[in-house]
């Protein structure tokens, strides 16, 4: 069964725009259900990013089981591989430095997907011309990690009103 890791930008954008808690609780319930089915997860580094704000997303994150946010340190070997890869990229030094920050979830998310065989869900787009930031889809493509958008994921797994497809 294909398993998915969710990038922080999916949670944050959903909370702020498309699926706000005030009118679309069904989306958040759908994510929780998909986790219970063993399909969606994220990592502790993403959780930490979301806990920085005191808002409804923080409340939702804290209500999820510990299993929703996997221990990204399990993927330290792949993280080291990605750090070496990033240093050889033709991007600005600040992009390399940002990617290498321990508290930055992007590299950990990629490492966990690489090591554990997850598909990533992100709003980021492949951009080979990017120089100021190391983009998740760029690194994913170079390491054969599958990436989908939230909407591609929903098309595959969600029926009307965020009920899981059978």
N, C-alpha and C. Protein backbone atom coordinates (compact mmCIF):
# COMPACT_ATOMS: atom_id res chain seq x y z
N UNK A 1 0.85 -1.19 0.00
CA UNK A 1 0.00 0.00 0.00
C UNK A 1 0.89 1.25 0.00
N UNK A 2 0.55 2.19 -0.86
CA UNK A 2 1.30 3.44 -0.91
C UNK A 2 1.02 4.26 0.34
N UNK A 3 2.10 4.80 0.92
CA UNK A 3 1.98 5.64 2.11
C UNK A 3 2.52 7.02 1.79
N UNK A 4 1.95 8.04 2.43
CA UNK A 4 2.24 9.42 2.12
C UNK A 4 2.72 10.18 3.35
N UNK A 5 3.68 11.08 3.12
CA UNK A 5 4.14 12.02 4.14
C UNK A 5 3.66 13.41 3.76
N UNK A 6 3.11 14.12 4.71
CA UNK A 6 2.55 15.45 4.45
C UNK A 6 3.54 16.53 4.87
N UNK A 7 3.81 17.44 3.95
CA UNK A 7 4.66 18.60 4.20
C UNK A 7 3.90 19.62 5.05
N UNK A 8 4.62 20.40 5.83
CA UNK A 8 4.00 21.43 6.68
C UNK A 8 3.17 22.41 5.87
N UNK A 9 3.60 22.73 4.64
CA UNK A 9 2.85 23.72 3.87
C UNK A 9 1.44 23.25 3.53
N UNK A 10 1.21 21.95 3.49
CA UNK A 10 -0.14 21.42 3.25
C UNK A 10 -1.03 21.77 4.44
N UNK A 11 -0.57 21.47 5.63
CA UNK A 11 -1.36 21.75 6.83
C UNK A 11 -1.61 23.25 6.99
N UNK A 12 -0.57 24.04 6.83
CA UNK A 12 -0.66 25.48 7.07
C UNK A 12 -1.55 26.16 6.04
N UNK A 13 -1.38 25.82 4.77
CA UNK A 13 -2.21 26.42 3.73
C UNK A 13 -3.67 25.99 3.89
N UNK A 14 -3.89 24.73 4.22
CA UNK A 14 -5.27 24.25 4.43
C UNK A 14 -5.94 25.03 5.56
N UNK A 15 -5.21 25.21 6.66
CA UNK A 15 -5.75 25.94 7.82
C UNK A 15 -6.05 27.40 7.47
N UNK A 16 -5.18 28.01 6.68
CA UNK A 16 -5.33 29.44 6.38
C UNK A 16 -6.26 29.75 5.22
N UNK A 17 -6.43 28.80 4.27
CA UNK A 17 -7.18 29.11 3.06
C UNK A 17 -8.33 28.15 2.79
N UNK A 18 -8.03 27.02 2.19
CA UNK A 18 -9.05 26.14 1.61
C UNK A 18 -9.92 25.41 2.62
N UNK A 19 -9.32 24.93 3.67
CA UNK A 19 -10.02 24.02 4.58
C UNK A 19 -9.95 24.49 6.03
N UNK A 20 -10.32 25.73 6.24
CA UNK A 20 -10.27 26.30 7.58
C UNK A 20 -11.16 25.48 8.53
N UNK A 21 -10.72 25.41 9.76
CA UNK A 21 -11.44 24.61 10.76
C UNK A 21 -12.87 25.08 10.96
N UNK A 22 -13.11 26.38 10.80
CA UNK A 22 -14.44 26.93 11.03
C UNK A 22 -15.50 26.45 10.06
N UNK A 23 -15.11 26.04 8.86
CA UNK A 23 -16.12 25.60 7.89
C UNK A 23 -15.78 24.29 7.18
N UNK A 24 -14.64 23.70 7.50
CA UNK A 24 -14.30 22.47 6.79
C UNK A 24 -13.61 21.45 7.70
N UNK A 25 -14.22 21.17 8.82
CA UNK A 25 -13.69 20.17 9.74
C UNK A 25 -13.58 18.81 9.05
N UNK A 26 -14.42 18.57 8.04
CA UNK A 26 -14.42 17.28 7.34
C UNK A 26 -13.05 16.96 6.74
N UNK A 27 -12.34 17.97 6.26
CA UNK A 27 -11.01 17.75 5.70
C UNK A 27 -10.06 17.20 6.76
N UNK A 28 -10.08 17.79 7.94
CA UNK A 28 -9.19 17.39 9.02
C UNK A 28 -9.55 16.00 9.55
N UNK A 29 -10.85 15.72 9.59
CA UNK A 29 -11.31 14.38 9.98
C UNK A 29 -10.85 13.36 8.94
N UNK A 30 -10.88 13.74 7.68
CA UNK A 30 -10.42 12.86 6.60
C UNK A 30 -8.95 12.51 6.78
N UNK A 31 -8.12 13.51 7.08
CA UNK A 31 -6.69 13.23 7.30
C UNK A 31 -6.50 12.27 8.46
N UNK A 32 -7.23 12.48 9.54
CA UNK A 32 -7.12 11.59 10.70
C UNK A 32 -7.56 10.17 10.33
N UNK A 33 -8.61 10.05 9.56
CA UNK A 33 -9.09 8.74 9.11
C UNK A 33 -8.05 8.07 8.21
N UNK A 34 -7.46 8.84 7.31
CA UNK A 34 -6.45 8.27 6.42
C UNK A 34 -5.21 7.82 7.20
N UNK A 35 -4.93 8.48 8.29
CA UNK A 35 -3.84 8.01 9.15
C UNK A 35 -4.23 6.69 9.81
N UNK A 36 -5.45 6.62 10.32
CA UNK A 36 -5.91 5.39 10.96
C UNK A 36 -5.85 4.21 10.00
N UNK A 37 -6.01 4.49 8.70
CA UNK A 37 -5.94 3.45 7.68
C UNK A 37 -4.49 3.14 7.28
N UNK A 38 -3.53 3.87 7.87
CA UNK A 38 -2.12 3.63 7.57
C UNK A 38 -1.65 4.23 6.26
N UNK A 39 -2.33 5.30 5.81
CA UNK A 39 -2.02 5.91 4.51
C UNK A 39 -1.27 7.23 4.65
N UNK A 40 -1.66 8.09 5.57
CA UNK A 40 -0.98 9.39 5.71
C UNK A 40 -0.29 9.53 7.06
N UNK A 41 0.85 10.19 6.99
CA UNK A 41 1.69 10.44 8.14
C UNK A 41 2.40 11.77 7.90
N UNK A 42 3.12 12.21 8.89
CA UNK A 42 4.09 13.27 8.72
C UNK A 42 5.24 12.93 9.66
N UNK A 43 6.07 13.91 9.96
CA UNK A 43 7.22 13.66 10.82
C UNK A 43 7.24 14.65 11.98
N UNK A 44 8.00 14.32 12.99
CA UNK A 44 8.11 15.18 14.17
C UNK A 44 8.58 16.59 13.82
N UNK A 45 9.49 16.72 12.87
CA UNK A 45 9.98 18.06 12.50
C UNK A 45 8.86 18.93 11.95
N UNK A 46 7.94 18.35 11.20
CA UNK A 46 6.78 19.09 10.69
C UNK A 46 5.88 19.46 11.87
N UNK A 47 5.68 18.53 12.77
CA UNK A 47 4.86 18.80 13.96
C UNK A 47 5.42 20.00 14.73
N UNK A 48 6.72 20.03 14.92
CA UNK A 48 7.35 21.13 15.66
C UNK A 48 7.11 22.47 14.97
N UNK A 49 7.16 22.49 13.63
CA UNK A 49 6.87 23.73 12.90
C UNK A 49 5.46 24.21 13.19
N UNK A 50 4.52 23.28 13.24
CA UNK A 50 3.12 23.66 13.43
C UNK A 50 2.79 24.02 14.87
N UNK A 51 3.58 23.57 15.80
CA UNK A 51 3.33 23.88 17.20
C UNK A 51 3.83 25.26 17.60
N UNK A 52 4.52 25.95 16.70
CA UNK A 52 5.05 27.28 17.00
C UNK A 52 3.95 28.33 17.14
N UNK A 53 2.82 28.10 16.49
CA UNK A 53 1.70 29.04 16.56
C UNK A 53 0.69 28.52 17.58
N UNK A 54 0.00 29.45 18.21
CA UNK A 54 -1.05 29.07 19.15
C UNK A 54 -2.38 29.26 18.45
N UNK A 55 -2.81 28.22 17.72
CA UNK A 55 -4.02 28.35 16.91
C UNK A 55 -4.72 27.00 16.80
N UNK A 56 -5.75 26.95 15.96
CA UNK A 56 -6.54 25.73 15.80
C UNK A 56 -5.72 24.59 15.20
N UNK A 57 -4.72 24.90 14.39
CA UNK A 57 -3.87 23.84 13.84
C UNK A 57 -3.07 23.17 14.96
N UNK A 58 -2.56 23.97 15.86
CA UNK A 58 -1.82 23.42 17.01
C UNK A 58 -2.73 22.49 17.81
N UNK A 59 -3.97 22.89 18.01
CA UNK A 59 -4.92 22.06 18.75
C UNK A 59 -5.15 20.74 18.02
N UNK A 60 -5.32 20.80 16.70
CA UNK A 60 -5.54 19.58 15.91
C UNK A 60 -4.32 18.68 15.98
N UNK A 61 -3.14 19.24 15.81
CA UNK A 61 -1.90 18.46 15.85
C UNK A 61 -1.78 17.76 17.21
N UNK A 62 -2.03 18.48 18.27
CA UNK A 62 -1.92 17.89 19.61
C UNK A 62 -2.94 16.79 19.86
N UNK A 63 -4.04 16.81 19.10
CA UNK A 63 -5.09 15.78 19.27
C UNK A 63 -4.79 14.50 18.49
N UNK A 64 -3.78 14.54 17.60
CA UNK A 64 -3.47 13.36 16.80
C UNK A 64 -2.63 12.37 17.60
N UNK A 65 -2.76 11.08 17.27
CA UNK A 65 -1.93 10.09 17.97
C UNK A 65 -0.46 10.29 17.64
N UNK A 66 0.41 9.87 18.54
CA UNK A 66 1.85 10.00 18.33
C UNK A 66 2.29 9.36 17.02
N UNK A 67 1.59 8.33 16.59
CA UNK A 67 1.96 7.62 15.37
C UNK A 67 1.79 8.46 14.10
N UNK A 68 0.99 9.54 14.18
CA UNK A 68 0.79 10.39 13.00
C UNK A 68 2.12 11.05 12.60
N UNK A 69 2.90 11.45 13.58
CA UNK A 69 4.15 12.17 13.33
C UNK A 69 5.33 11.26 13.67
N UNK A 70 5.89 10.65 12.64
CA UNK A 70 6.97 9.67 12.83
C UNK A 70 8.28 10.35 13.23
N UNK A 71 9.11 9.58 13.88
CA UNK A 71 10.42 10.04 14.32
C UNK A 71 11.35 10.15 13.11
N UNK A 72 11.63 11.36 12.70
CA UNK A 72 12.46 11.56 11.50
C UNK A 72 13.91 11.16 11.72
N UNK A 73 14.33 11.09 12.97
CA UNK A 73 15.72 10.70 13.24
C UNK A 73 15.99 9.24 12.85
N UNK A 74 14.93 8.47 12.62
CA UNK A 74 15.09 7.11 12.09
C UNK A 74 15.76 7.13 10.72
N UNK A 75 15.71 8.26 10.07
CA UNK A 75 16.20 8.39 8.70
C UNK A 75 17.48 9.21 8.62
N UNK A 76 18.28 9.16 9.67
CA UNK A 76 19.51 9.96 9.73
C UNK A 76 20.49 9.60 8.62
N UNK A 77 20.57 8.34 8.23
CA UNK A 77 21.50 7.95 7.16
C UNK A 77 21.12 8.63 5.84
N UNK A 78 19.84 8.64 5.54
CA UNK A 78 19.38 9.31 4.31
C UNK A 78 19.53 10.82 4.42
N UNK A 79 19.36 11.35 5.61
CA UNK A 79 19.56 12.78 5.84
C UNK A 79 21.00 13.16 5.50
N UNK A 80 21.94 12.36 5.94
CA UNK A 80 23.35 12.63 5.64
C UNK A 80 23.60 12.59 4.13
N UNK A 81 22.99 11.64 3.45
CA UNK A 81 23.10 11.55 1.99
C UNK A 81 22.58 12.82 1.33
N UNK A 82 21.44 13.31 1.81
CA UNK A 82 20.84 14.53 1.24
C UNK A 82 21.67 15.77 1.55
N UNK A 83 22.29 15.80 2.72
CA UNK A 83 23.16 16.94 3.05
C UNK A 83 24.36 16.99 2.10
N UNK A 84 24.95 15.84 1.81
CA UNK A 84 26.07 15.78 0.86
C UNK A 84 25.61 16.19 -0.53
N UNK A 85 24.45 15.71 -0.94
CA UNK A 85 23.89 16.06 -2.25
C UNK A 85 23.67 17.57 -2.35
N UNK A 86 23.08 18.16 -1.33
CA UNK A 86 22.74 19.59 -1.35
C UNK A 86 23.98 20.46 -1.49
N UNK A 87 25.08 20.06 -0.89
CA UNK A 87 26.30 20.87 -0.96
C UNK A 87 26.84 20.96 -2.39
N UNK A 88 26.50 20.01 -3.23
CA UNK A 88 26.96 20.03 -4.61
C UNK A 88 26.02 20.74 -5.57
N UNK A 89 24.90 21.24 -5.08
CA UNK A 89 23.94 21.90 -5.96
C UNK A 89 24.40 23.30 -6.35
N UNK A 90 23.98 23.72 -7.54
CA UNK A 90 24.27 25.06 -8.03
C UNK A 90 23.17 26.01 -7.56
N UNK A 91 23.21 26.30 -6.25
CA UNK A 91 22.25 27.23 -5.64
C UNK A 91 23.04 28.17 -4.74
N UNK A 92 22.39 29.22 -4.29
CA UNK A 92 23.05 30.17 -3.39
C UNK A 92 23.40 29.48 -2.06
N UNK A 93 24.45 29.95 -1.43
CA UNK A 93 24.90 29.36 -0.16
C UNK A 93 23.81 29.44 0.90
N UNK A 94 23.03 30.51 0.89
CA UNK A 94 21.96 30.64 1.88
C UNK A 94 20.92 29.52 1.72
N UNK A 95 20.70 29.08 0.49
CA UNK A 95 19.77 27.96 0.25
C UNK A 95 20.33 26.68 0.86
N UNK A 96 21.61 26.46 0.69
CA UNK A 96 22.26 25.28 1.28
C UNK A 96 22.22 25.35 2.81
N UNK A 97 22.50 26.52 3.34
CA UNK A 97 22.50 26.70 4.79
C UNK A 97 21.11 26.46 5.38
N UNK A 98 20.09 27.00 4.72
CA UNK A 98 18.72 26.84 5.19
C UNK A 98 18.30 25.37 5.14
N UNK A 99 18.64 24.69 4.06
CA UNK A 99 18.30 23.28 3.89
C UNK A 99 18.95 22.43 4.98
N UNK A 100 20.14 22.84 5.41
CA UNK A 100 20.92 22.07 6.38
C UNK A 100 20.53 22.35 7.83
N UNK A 101 19.70 23.35 8.08
CA UNK A 101 19.31 23.64 9.46
C UNK A 101 18.53 22.46 10.04
N UNK A 102 18.96 22.02 11.22
CA UNK A 102 18.32 20.87 11.87
C UNK A 102 16.82 21.08 12.08
N UNK A 103 16.42 22.31 12.36
CA UNK A 103 15.00 22.57 12.63
C UNK A 103 14.16 22.72 11.37
N UNK A 104 14.80 22.75 10.22
CA UNK A 104 14.09 22.83 8.94
C UNK A 104 13.58 21.43 8.58
N UNK A 105 12.29 21.30 8.42
CA UNK A 105 11.69 19.98 8.19
C UNK A 105 11.92 19.44 6.78
N UNK A 106 12.19 20.29 5.80
CA UNK A 106 12.25 19.83 4.41
C UNK A 106 13.23 18.68 4.19
N UNK A 107 14.46 18.84 4.64
CA UNK A 107 15.45 17.78 4.42
C UNK A 107 15.08 16.52 5.17
N UNK A 108 14.55 16.67 6.37
CA UNK A 108 14.13 15.49 7.14
C UNK A 108 12.96 14.79 6.48
N UNK A 109 12.03 15.56 5.94
CA UNK A 109 10.88 14.99 5.24
C UNK A 109 11.35 14.17 4.04
N UNK A 110 12.24 14.74 3.27
CA UNK A 110 12.81 14.04 2.11
C UNK A 110 13.57 12.79 2.54
N UNK A 111 14.37 12.91 3.59
CA UNK A 111 15.15 11.76 4.07
C UNK A 111 14.23 10.63 4.52
N UNK A 112 13.18 10.99 5.23
CA UNK A 112 12.26 9.96 5.72
C UNK A 112 11.53 9.29 4.55
N UNK A 113 11.14 10.08 3.57
CA UNK A 113 10.49 9.50 2.37
C UNK A 113 11.45 8.57 1.64
N UNK A 114 12.69 9.01 1.51
CA UNK A 114 13.70 8.20 0.82
C UNK A 114 13.95 6.88 1.56
N UNK A 115 14.13 6.97 2.84
CA UNK A 115 14.49 5.78 3.63
C UNK A 115 13.32 4.84 3.87
N UNK A 116 12.13 5.41 4.01
CA UNK A 116 10.96 4.58 4.37
C UNK A 116 10.01 4.31 3.21
N UNK A 117 10.30 4.85 2.03
CA UNK A 117 9.49 4.57 0.85
C UNK A 117 8.16 5.30 0.77
N UNK A 118 8.10 6.50 1.32
CA UNK A 118 6.87 7.30 1.27
C UNK A 118 6.81 8.13 -0.01
N UNK A 119 5.59 8.50 -0.39
CA UNK A 119 5.33 9.53 -1.38
C UNK A 119 5.09 10.82 -0.61
N UNK A 120 5.61 11.94 -1.12
CA UNK A 120 5.44 13.22 -0.44
C UNK A 120 4.24 13.98 -1.00
N UNK A 121 3.52 14.64 -0.09
CA UNK A 121 2.44 15.56 -0.47
C UNK A 121 2.91 16.96 -0.11
N UNK A 122 3.04 17.82 -1.12
CA UNK A 122 3.50 19.19 -0.89
C UNK A 122 2.85 20.13 -1.90
N UNK A 123 2.84 21.41 -1.54
CA UNK A 123 2.39 22.43 -2.49
C UNK A 123 3.55 22.95 -3.34
N UNK A 124 4.77 22.57 -3.01
CA UNK A 124 5.92 23.04 -3.78
C UNK A 124 5.90 22.42 -5.19
N UNK A 125 6.47 23.16 -6.12
CA UNK A 125 6.55 22.70 -7.51
C UNK A 125 8.00 22.51 -7.92
N UNK A 126 8.20 21.58 -8.83
CA UNK A 126 9.52 21.36 -9.39
C UNK A 126 9.97 22.63 -10.10
N UNK A 127 11.18 23.10 -9.80
CA UNK A 127 11.70 24.31 -10.41
C UNK A 127 13.21 24.20 -10.53
N UNK A 128 13.69 23.68 -11.65
CA UNK A 128 15.14 23.49 -11.80
C UNK A 128 15.93 24.79 -11.80
N UNK A 129 15.26 25.93 -12.00
CA UNK A 129 15.96 27.21 -12.02
C UNK A 129 16.08 27.84 -10.62
N UNK A 130 15.49 27.22 -9.62
CA UNK A 130 15.51 27.79 -8.26
C UNK A 130 16.94 27.88 -7.74
N UNK A 131 17.31 29.03 -7.24
CA UNK A 131 18.66 29.26 -6.71
C UNK A 131 18.64 29.72 -5.25
N UNK A 132 17.53 30.32 -4.81
CA UNK A 132 17.45 30.89 -3.47
C UNK A 132 16.94 29.91 -2.43
N UNK A 133 16.43 28.79 -2.91
CA UNK A 133 15.86 27.78 -2.01
C UNK A 133 15.99 26.42 -2.66
N UNK A 134 16.27 25.42 -1.86
CA UNK A 134 16.31 24.05 -2.37
C UNK A 134 14.89 23.50 -2.27
N UNK A 135 14.32 23.21 -3.42
CA UNK A 135 12.92 22.82 -3.49
C UNK A 135 12.76 21.31 -3.27
N UNK A 136 11.75 20.95 -2.49
CA UNK A 136 11.46 19.55 -2.21
C UNK A 136 11.32 18.73 -3.50
N UNK A 137 10.51 19.17 -4.47
CA UNK A 137 10.36 18.34 -5.68
C UNK A 137 11.67 18.18 -6.48
N UNK A 138 12.54 19.17 -6.43
CA UNK A 138 13.82 19.06 -7.15
C UNK A 138 14.67 17.94 -6.54
N UNK A 139 14.78 17.95 -5.22
CA UNK A 139 15.56 16.91 -4.54
C UNK A 139 14.87 15.56 -4.70
N UNK A 140 13.57 15.54 -4.60
CA UNK A 140 12.81 14.29 -4.74
C UNK A 140 13.05 13.66 -6.11
N UNK A 141 13.01 14.47 -7.14
CA UNK A 141 13.23 13.92 -8.49
C UNK A 141 14.63 13.31 -8.61
N UNK A 142 15.61 13.96 -8.05
CA UNK A 142 16.99 13.46 -8.13
C UNK A 142 17.19 12.17 -7.34
N UNK A 143 16.28 11.89 -6.41
CA UNK A 143 16.42 10.70 -5.56
C UNK A 143 15.26 9.71 -5.73
N UNK A 144 14.53 9.87 -6.82
CA UNK A 144 13.42 8.96 -7.15
C UNK A 144 12.38 8.85 -6.04
N UNK A 145 12.07 9.99 -5.43
CA UNK A 145 11.00 10.06 -4.44
C UNK A 145 9.79 10.64 -5.15
N UNK A 146 8.68 9.96 -5.07
CA UNK A 146 7.45 10.42 -5.72
C UNK A 146 6.87 11.60 -4.93
N UNK A 147 6.37 12.60 -5.66
CA UNK A 147 5.75 13.78 -5.08
C UNK A 147 4.40 14.01 -5.73
N UNK A 148 3.39 14.32 -4.93
CA UNK A 148 2.07 14.67 -5.44
C UNK A 148 1.60 15.95 -4.74
N UNK A 149 0.65 16.61 -5.36
CA UNK A 149 0.01 17.75 -4.71
C UNK A 149 -1.12 17.22 -3.83
N UNK A 150 -1.61 18.08 -2.95
CA UNK A 150 -2.74 17.70 -2.12
C UNK A 150 -3.93 17.33 -2.99
N UNK A 151 -4.13 18.07 -4.07
CA UNK A 151 -5.30 17.84 -4.90
C UNK A 151 -5.20 16.52 -5.67
N UNK A 152 -4.00 16.14 -6.06
CA UNK A 152 -3.80 14.82 -6.67
C UNK A 152 -4.10 13.71 -5.66
N UNK A 153 -3.66 13.91 -4.43
CA UNK A 153 -3.94 12.95 -3.37
C UNK A 153 -5.44 12.84 -3.13
N UNK A 154 -6.12 13.98 -3.00
CA UNK A 154 -7.56 13.97 -2.76
C UNK A 154 -8.32 13.31 -3.90
N UNK A 155 -7.90 13.56 -5.12
CA UNK A 155 -8.54 12.94 -6.29
C UNK A 155 -8.49 11.41 -6.19
N UNK A 156 -7.40 10.91 -5.70
CA UNK A 156 -7.20 9.46 -5.61
C UNK A 156 -7.91 8.84 -4.41
N UNK A 157 -7.99 9.56 -3.30
CA UNK A 157 -8.45 8.95 -2.05
C UNK A 157 -9.75 9.49 -1.47
N UNK A 158 -10.25 10.62 -1.96
CA UNK A 158 -11.42 11.24 -1.34
C UNK A 158 -12.62 11.25 -2.27
N UNK A 159 -13.77 10.85 -1.71
CA UNK A 159 -15.05 11.01 -2.40
C UNK A 159 -15.66 12.33 -1.95
N UNK A 160 -16.95 12.49 -2.22
CA UNK A 160 -17.66 13.70 -1.83
C UNK A 160 -17.55 13.93 -0.32
N UNK A 161 -17.45 15.18 0.07
CA UNK A 161 -17.42 15.58 1.47
C UNK A 161 -16.31 14.91 2.27
N UNK A 162 -15.19 14.63 1.59
CA UNK A 162 -14.01 14.05 2.24
C UNK A 162 -14.25 12.68 2.87
N UNK A 163 -15.15 11.92 2.28
CA UNK A 163 -15.26 10.54 2.74
C UNK A 163 -14.24 9.72 1.95
N UNK A 164 -13.53 8.82 2.63
CA UNK A 164 -12.52 8.02 1.91
C UNK A 164 -13.14 7.13 0.84
N UNK A 165 -12.50 7.07 -0.30
CA UNK A 165 -12.94 6.16 -1.36
C UNK A 165 -12.77 4.73 -0.89
N UNK A 166 -13.63 3.89 -1.34
CA UNK A 166 -13.55 2.46 -0.96
C UNK A 166 -12.46 1.77 -1.74
